[in-house]
Structures are given as C-alpha cells and as structure tokens.
Amino acid sequence: MKTSARSALVLSTLLLLGASAAALGANSRVGEVATKTVRFGDLDISTLVGAQALYGRITSAARVVCRDGSMSMHECRARAVDDAVSGVGSTLLISIHRSSTARVEEVALR
C-alpha cells in the first residue's frame, strides 16, 4: 500500500509535543513546537513488518526530541508517540502501539 499524501504530511509534522514552548522548555518563542520528520515512503505500512518499522522510527524520533524540556521525558515520549500514531491513522500501527503500551503498563504494575 502506498502512503497517502495526507499521511505523509501528517507524519512529517508529527511529534507535536505541546501547545507552547513552556510545555517543552527547549524553545525560546511561545508557540514553537519541537518536531522531527519521520519519513516512511519506503515502507508498506499495511503489512506488519512495515508498520513495526514505522513504529520503531516514531519511537526513535520521540527519544531525540524529548531529550530536554520541563515535561518528564517519559511523558514527553508517550505523548509524542501517541500523537504521531494517531496522525498516521493506520489501524495496524495503532494496534502495534496499543500492544506496546499494554506491555509497558503490565510491567509497571508488577
């Protein structure tokens, strides 16, 4: 499945990590939001392998943009990944994300 222009546009501006610079603490001007472009035109996100590869790219990008800031690193990464996955709109990608989140929550409860 080829990625749609909408998905590419959404993901290229993904990882919106806050409504203002204060949420991140890293940007000096109010209204700036940290982003990192994640390209996935080379992936077929309708397959498990492609969606998993994209999820890996998204989580890696979240680690990069959430290094500094006033928000906790965990909270920042979780929000960034949530926003990016939602922005793509792939049901398979959403399923992978939910599965990953459920495993983390299960470990945290132990």
C-alpha atoms as a PDB file:
ATOM      1  CA  MET A   1       0.000   0.000   0.000  1.00  0.00           C
ATOM      2  CA  LYS A   2       1.399   3.381  -0.945  1.00  0.00           C
ATOM      3  CA  THR A   3       1.277   6.037   1.717  1.00  0.00           C
ATOM      4  CA  SER A   4      -1.210   8.740   1.024  1.00  0.00           C
ATOM      5  CA  ALA A   5      -0.190  12.365   0.736  1.00  0.00           C
ATOM      6  CA  ARG A   6      -2.264  13.089   3.834  1.00  0.00           C
ATOM      7  CA  SER A   7      -0.416  10.513   5.911  1.00  0.00           C
ATOM      8  CA  ALA A   8       2.957  11.718   4.702  1.00  0.00           C
ATOM      9  CA  LEU A   9       2.067  15.306   5.536  1.00  0.00           C
ATOM     10  CA  VAL A  10       0.709  14.393   8.953  1.00  0.00           C
ATOM     11  CA  LEU A  11       3.728  12.312   9.838  1.00  0.00           C
ATOM     12  CA  SER A  12       6.226  14.819   8.518  1.00  0.00           C
ATOM     13  CA  THR A  13       4.949  17.291  11.071  1.00  0.00           C
ATOM     14  CA  LEU A  14       4.441  14.701  13.767  1.00  0.00           C
ATOM     15  CA  LEU A  15       5.610  14.553  17.291  1.00  0.00           C
ATOM     16  CA  LEU A  16       3.816  17.647  18.356  1.00  0.00           C
ATOM     17  CA  LEU A  17       4.918  17.740  21.911  1.00  0.00           C
ATOM     18  CA  GLY A  18       2.985  20.541  23.430  1.00  0.00           C
ATOM     19  CA  ALA A  19       0.796  23.522  22.877  1.00  0.00           C
ATOM     20  CA  SER A  20       3.502  26.009  23.731  1.00  0.00           C
ATOM     21  CA  ALA A  21       7.208  26.427  24.314  1.00  0.00           C
ATOM     22  CA  ALA A  22       6.571  26.271  28.032  1.00  0.00           C
ATOM     23  CA  ALA A  23       5.499  22.643  27.702  1.00  0.00           C
ATOM     24  CA  LEU A  24       8.894  21.727  26.331  1.00  0.00           C
ATOM     25  CA  GLY A  25      11.160  24.333  27.857  1.00  0.00           C
ATOM     26  CA  ALA A  26      13.532  23.940  24.924  1.00  0.00           C
ATOM     27  CA  ASN A  27      12.173  26.581  22.566  1.00  0.00           C
ATOM     28  CA  SER A  28      12.521  30.248  23.236  1.00  0.00           C
ATOM     29  CA  ARG A  29       9.474  31.573  21.390  1.00  0.00           C
ATOM     30  CA  VAL A  30       5.948  30.888  22.535  1.00  0.00           C
ATOM     31  CA  GLY A  31       4.040  28.713  20.106  1.00  0.00           C
ATOM     32  CA  GLU A  32       7.058  26.788  18.813  1.00  0.00           C
ATOM     33  CA  VAL A  33       6.707  23.045  18.999  1.00  0.00           C
ATOM     34  CA  ALA A  34       9.511  20.507  18.692  1.00  0.00           C
ATOM     35  CA  THR A  35       9.124  18.197  15.714  1.00  0.00           C
ATOM     36  CA  LYS A  36      11.152  15.637  13.853  1.00  0.00           C
ATOM     37  CA  THR A  37      10.313  14.455  10.377  1.00  0.00           C
ATOM     38  CA  VAL A  38       9.876  10.708  10.085  1.00  0.00           C
ATOM     39  CA  ARG A  39       9.858   9.511   6.506  1.00  0.00           C
ATOM     40  CA  PHE A  40       8.073   6.298   5.650  1.00  0.00           C
ATOM     41  CA  GLY A  41       7.510   6.401   1.910  1.00  0.00           C
ATOM     42  CA  ASP A  42       9.768   3.366   1.616  1.00  0.00           C
ATOM     43  CA  LEU A  43       7.528   1.302   3.919  1.00  0.00           C
ATOM     44  CA  ASP A  44       4.324  -0.585   3.227  1.00  0.00           C
ATOM     45  CA  ILE A  45       2.516   0.214   6.467  1.00  0.00           C
ATOM     46  CA  SER A  46      -0.347  -2.118   5.550  1.00  0.00           C
ATOM     47  CA  THR A  47       1.958  -5.007   6.478  1.00  0.00           C
ATOM     48  CA  LEU A  48       3.076  -5.957   9.969  1.00  0.00           C
ATOM     49  CA  VAL A  49       6.751  -5.596   9.088  1.00  0.00           C
ATOM     50  CA  GLY A  50       6.224  -2.131   7.580  1.00  0.00           C
ATOM     51  CA  ALA A  51       4.065  -0.891  10.451  1.00  0.00           C
ATOM     52  CA  GLN A  52       6.572  -2.203  13.009  1.00  0.00           C
ATOM     53  CA  ALA A  53       9.402  -0.461  11.183  1.00  0.00           C
ATOM     54  CA  LEU A  54       7.462   2.812  11.194  1.00  0.00           C
ATOM     55  CA  TYR A  55       6.679   2.396  14.898  1.00  0.00           C
ATOM     56  CA  GLY A  56      10.390   1.962  15.553  1.00  0.00           C
ATOM     57  CA  ARG A  57      11.153   5.151  13.626  1.00  0.00           C
ATOM     58  CA  ILE A  58       8.475   7.052  15.544  1.00  0.00           C
ATOM     59  CA  THR A  59       9.761   5.907  18.939  1.00  0.00           C
ATOM     60  CA  SER A  60      13.341   6.751  17.933  1.00  0.00           C
ATOM     61  CA  ALA A  61      12.269  10.231  16.861  1.00  0.00           C
ATOM     62  CA  ALA A  62      10.445  10.687  20.172  1.00  0.00           C
ATOM     63  CA  ARG A  63      13.653   9.854  22.047  1.00  0.00           C
ATOM     64  CA  VAL A  64      15.503  12.510  20.042  1.00  0.00           C
ATOM     65  CA  VAL A  65      13.030  15.364  20.531  1.00  0.00           C
ATOM     66  CA  CYS A  66      12.282  14.567  24.167  1.00  0.00           C
ATOM     67  CA  ARG A  67      15.828  14.843  25.490  1.00  0.00           C
ATOM     68  CA  ASP A  68      15.367  18.246  27.085  1.00  0.00           C
ATOM     69  CA  GLY A  69      12.364  20.042  28.459  1.00  0.00           C
ATOM     70  CA  SER A  70      10.283  20.731  31.503  1.00  0.00           C
ATOM     71  CA  MET A  71       7.920  17.831  30.812  1.00  0.00           C
ATOM     72  CA  SER A  72       9.125  14.474  32.129  1.00  0.00           C
ATOM     73  CA  MET A  73      10.985  12.529  29.479  1.00  0.00           C
ATOM     74  CA  HIS A  74       8.569   9.591  29.781  1.00  0.00           C
ATOM     75  CA  GLU A  75       5.507  11.835  29.485  1.00  0.00           C
ATOM     76  CA  CYS A  76       7.008  13.665  26.525  1.00  0.00           C
ATOM     77  CA  ARG A  77       7.838  10.458  24.662  1.00  0.00           C
ATOM     78  CA  ALA A  78       4.452   8.909  25.372  1.00  0.00           C
ATOM     79  CA  ARG A  79       2.635  11.985  24.107  1.00  0.00           C
ATOM     80  CA  ALA A  80       4.851  12.286  21.044  1.00  0.00           C
ATOM     81  CA  VAL A  81       4.302   8.667  20.041  1.00  0.00           C
ATOM     82  CA  ASP A  82       0.555   8.877  20.730  1.00  0.00           C
ATOM     83  CA  ASP A  83       0.242  11.988  18.557  1.00  0.00           C
ATOM     84  CA  ALA A  84       2.319  10.531  15.724  1.00  0.00           C
ATOM     85  CA  VAL A  85       0.499   7.198  15.661  1.00  0.00           C
ATOM     86  CA  SER A  86      -2.878   8.950  15.714  1.00  0.00           C
ATOM     87  CA  GLY A  87      -1.737  11.282  12.938  1.00  0.00           C
ATOM     88  CA  VAL A  88      -0.893   8.434  10.585  1.00  0.00           C
ATOM     89  CA  GLY A  89      -4.281   6.803  11.107  1.00  0.00           C
ATOM     90  CA  SER A  90      -3.168   3.254  10.299  1.00  0.00           C
ATOM     91  CA  THR A  91      -5.188   0.686  12.237  1.00  0.00           C
ATOM     92  CA  LEU A  92      -2.251  -1.718  12.197  1.00  0.00           C
ATOM     93  CA  LEU A  93       0.105   0.945  13.568  1.00  0.00           C
ATOM     94  CA  ILE A  94      -2.440   1.840  16.267  1.00  0.00           C
ATOM     95  CA  SER A  95      -2.683  -1.842  17.201  1.00  0.00           C
ATOM     96  CA  ILE A  96       1.102  -2.148  17.499  1.00  0.00           C
ATOM     97  CA  HIS A  97       1.191   0.969  19.665  1.00  0.00           C
ATOM     98  CA  ARG A  98      -1.594  -0.269  21.942  1.00  0.00           C
ATOM     99  CA  SER A  99       0.137  -3.616  22.310  1.00  0.00           C
ATOM    100  CA  SER A 100       3.408  -1.921  23.225  1.00  0.00           C
ATOM    101  CA  THR A 101       1.685   0.402  25.698  1.00  0.00           C
ATOM    102  CA  ALA A 102      -0.153  -2.509  27.326  1.00  0.00           C
ATOM    103  CA  ARG A 103       3.133  -4.396  27.838  1.00  0.00           C
ATOM    104  CA  VAL A 104       4.740  -1.360  29.478  1.00  0.00           C
ATOM    105  CA  GLU A 105       1.758  -0.880  31.777  1.00  0.00           C
ATOM    106  CA  GLU A 106       1.778  -4.578  32.699  1.00  0.00           C
ATOM    107  CA  VAL A 107       5.466  -4.431  33.668  1.00  0.00           C
ATOM    108  CA  ALA A 108       4.904  -1.241  35.643  1.00  0.00           C
ATOM    109  CA  LEU A 109       2.145  -2.906  37.670  1.00  0.00           C
ATOM    110  CA  ARG A 110       4.370  -5.811  38.741  1.00  0.00           C
END
